[in-house]
Amino acid sequence: MKKYDFIKVLIAQRKVQFISLMLFEILIWSFPLAEGLLLKKFFDSLQYKQIDYMSLAILVLLSLLNIFTMRIYFKNNVSYGYFINSHIKKNMMHFLLENRSSSGLQSSVGSIVNVFSEDVGNMEASVTWFSTVIGQLFRGIGALVILFLINYQVALFAVLPLLIVIIITNKMEGKIRKNTSESRSTTAKVSDFIEEMFSYVMTIKTSLAKNNMLTELEELNEDRYHAKLKESLWENILSTLYKNTTNFGTGIILLVSAYSISRGEFTIGDLSIFIFYLVYITDTIESVSNFNIFLAQTNISIENIQKKLGMPESINLLCGKNNLGFEEKEDENLDTNDSYKFDEIHVDSLSYHYPESTIGINSVSFQLLRGETICICGKTGAGKTTLLKCILGLIKPDEGFITVDGDICNRLQPPLSSYVSQNPTLLSDSIENNIKLGDNEVSMNDILYYSVLENDLGSFTNGLETEIGSNSGRVSGGQKHRIAIARMYARNSELLFMDDTTSALDKITEAKFWNRYFSSERTGIIVSNKKEILHKADKVIYIEDGEVKSLSNLNNILIDYPETCEFLL
């Protein structure tokens, strides 16, 4: 990957807006060129004792025009920056939703958050800075040309120190890139460690490991401090070089021009424009050099994004045009209306294997009629949850397809279906908001009944308005699962998916829940190894090592496969 590749791809997403920003930059940075020429004219008039009021008036007018132009530019630049930032994040989310659902995140949540914040921010800054650099180059080259036309000898002496600094900074780029990489790495380690500490507070307390954990955190912070210090040190060295170079160049101009002025070959106006332009030339070179270094740092950010998300090294995947969502052509025949009804669903030869593994499912087929409940049972690791995720579309099957009333669809997605996982996640919000998820038309009475939550309302401090808290800390494990079940029922879907949903419930509550579910004659696909549930199911799929061994009722399976008694509860 070349250093500028990602910028080209991102610019292509909104080419017209970038070109307009670039033209604004060129216009903004051309004002100093005109101001310098006016200053030269004004000081030349002073030398000949004729004050040029017209030049002063034009100079004031240019300054006002510059302010007006800058206001328009910044408004568009902020909008463009937000677009670039959200576009990259959208592509990252698209990749996570489409590709990581099967194997999960390769890094901690803390690391992913840092990637979305800091590394994406660097990519955004690189693109917006690129248009600024183009404008500054126009100004710097224009200033150099004007100075060389006035007096090439003085201009050469003034620019020479800057050329030396450029060579030095290019030599330092590798060192700065290494320091940036180290700084990113140490910061990620601290974030990951803090996240783990908060996630396992009880484990740390019960293991009496508090002091050891704090000591390790101090050591990680010390490493980050030194890495940040080195990164900041080299950046400040560069900044100091450029600032002192400007002062040094000004001194050279004064020394060289003194002789030329005494001979009448150099005017006061020439001296003023040389000093005025030298600041901008230095600023341009400093900006270009810093941009080049920042670009190297941004490429490290891109590598970090790809590493943390498990992304292939493809710039188009990260920066190109990708659609976010689950819409696919195969689903066009599937009505997404909440009242959609179906008569039968066919799962035909579904196969999936996890990357670099033989684990998965092989050619699974079955039929589900409206009003039926199918239970999937099997040992741990047999492929039960994998099959469920394939049917839902959370992972893409390698082979096979699904039909709803004869129409091929890629997945049984909402609003046709609703799903409760083995370990459901709740928002840090009220119980009611967790159930409704913004749908105020939800009728709560039936939902609370079928999720067996009606008797729990009295135990909640503020009823349904009770805040669940971070990581569902204010509700019990059983209540957490039943709130997730209530959320499933609130979607009013025709097909319900439940993956070992009632494992956290006590026997009485669990029995009450399943009695209510089966009496409602809903259509469902359930993963469970509990005999009480399997006996009530219309069909039972016994799966082993990813293959369907039997599709029958529980009694027949127990006779044909007596080994199932070892894992059935």
Foldseek 3Di string as FASTA:
>chain_A
DDLCVLLVQQCVVPVPLLVVLLVLLLVLLCLLVLLLVLLLVQQLCVVVPHGDVVSVVVNVVSVVVSVVSVVVSVVSLVVSLVVQLVLLVLLLLQCCQAPQLVPHFPADPLLLVCLSPPLSNLVSCLNSLVSNLSSLVSNLVSLLVVLCVLPVVLSCLLCVLVVVLLVVLVVCLVVLLVLLLQLSVLVSVLSRLVVVCVVPVVVCVVVVPVVVSVVVSVVSVVSNVVSVVSNVVVVVVSVVSLVVSLVVSLVSSVVVVVVCVVVVSAGPSSNSSSNSSSVSNSVSSSSVSVSVSSSSSSVSSVVSSCVRRVHDPDSCSSNNDDDHDDDDPLCPPPDQDLPDDFFKKWWFFFWADPPPGLQEAGGDIDMFGQLFEEEEEEDPSLHQVRVVCQQQVSYFTPDTFMDTNRRTHRHCYPPQEFEDAPQDDFDQFFLVCRQCVPPPVFDQPVLCQLLVNPVVQVVAPNRRRHGLHPRSVPDDRQVVLSSSSSSRVRSSHQEYEYENSRVRPDPVSVVSNLVSVSVVSGHYYYYALEPVNQQSGPWYFYGGSNYTPDIGGPVVCCVVPVCSVVPRD
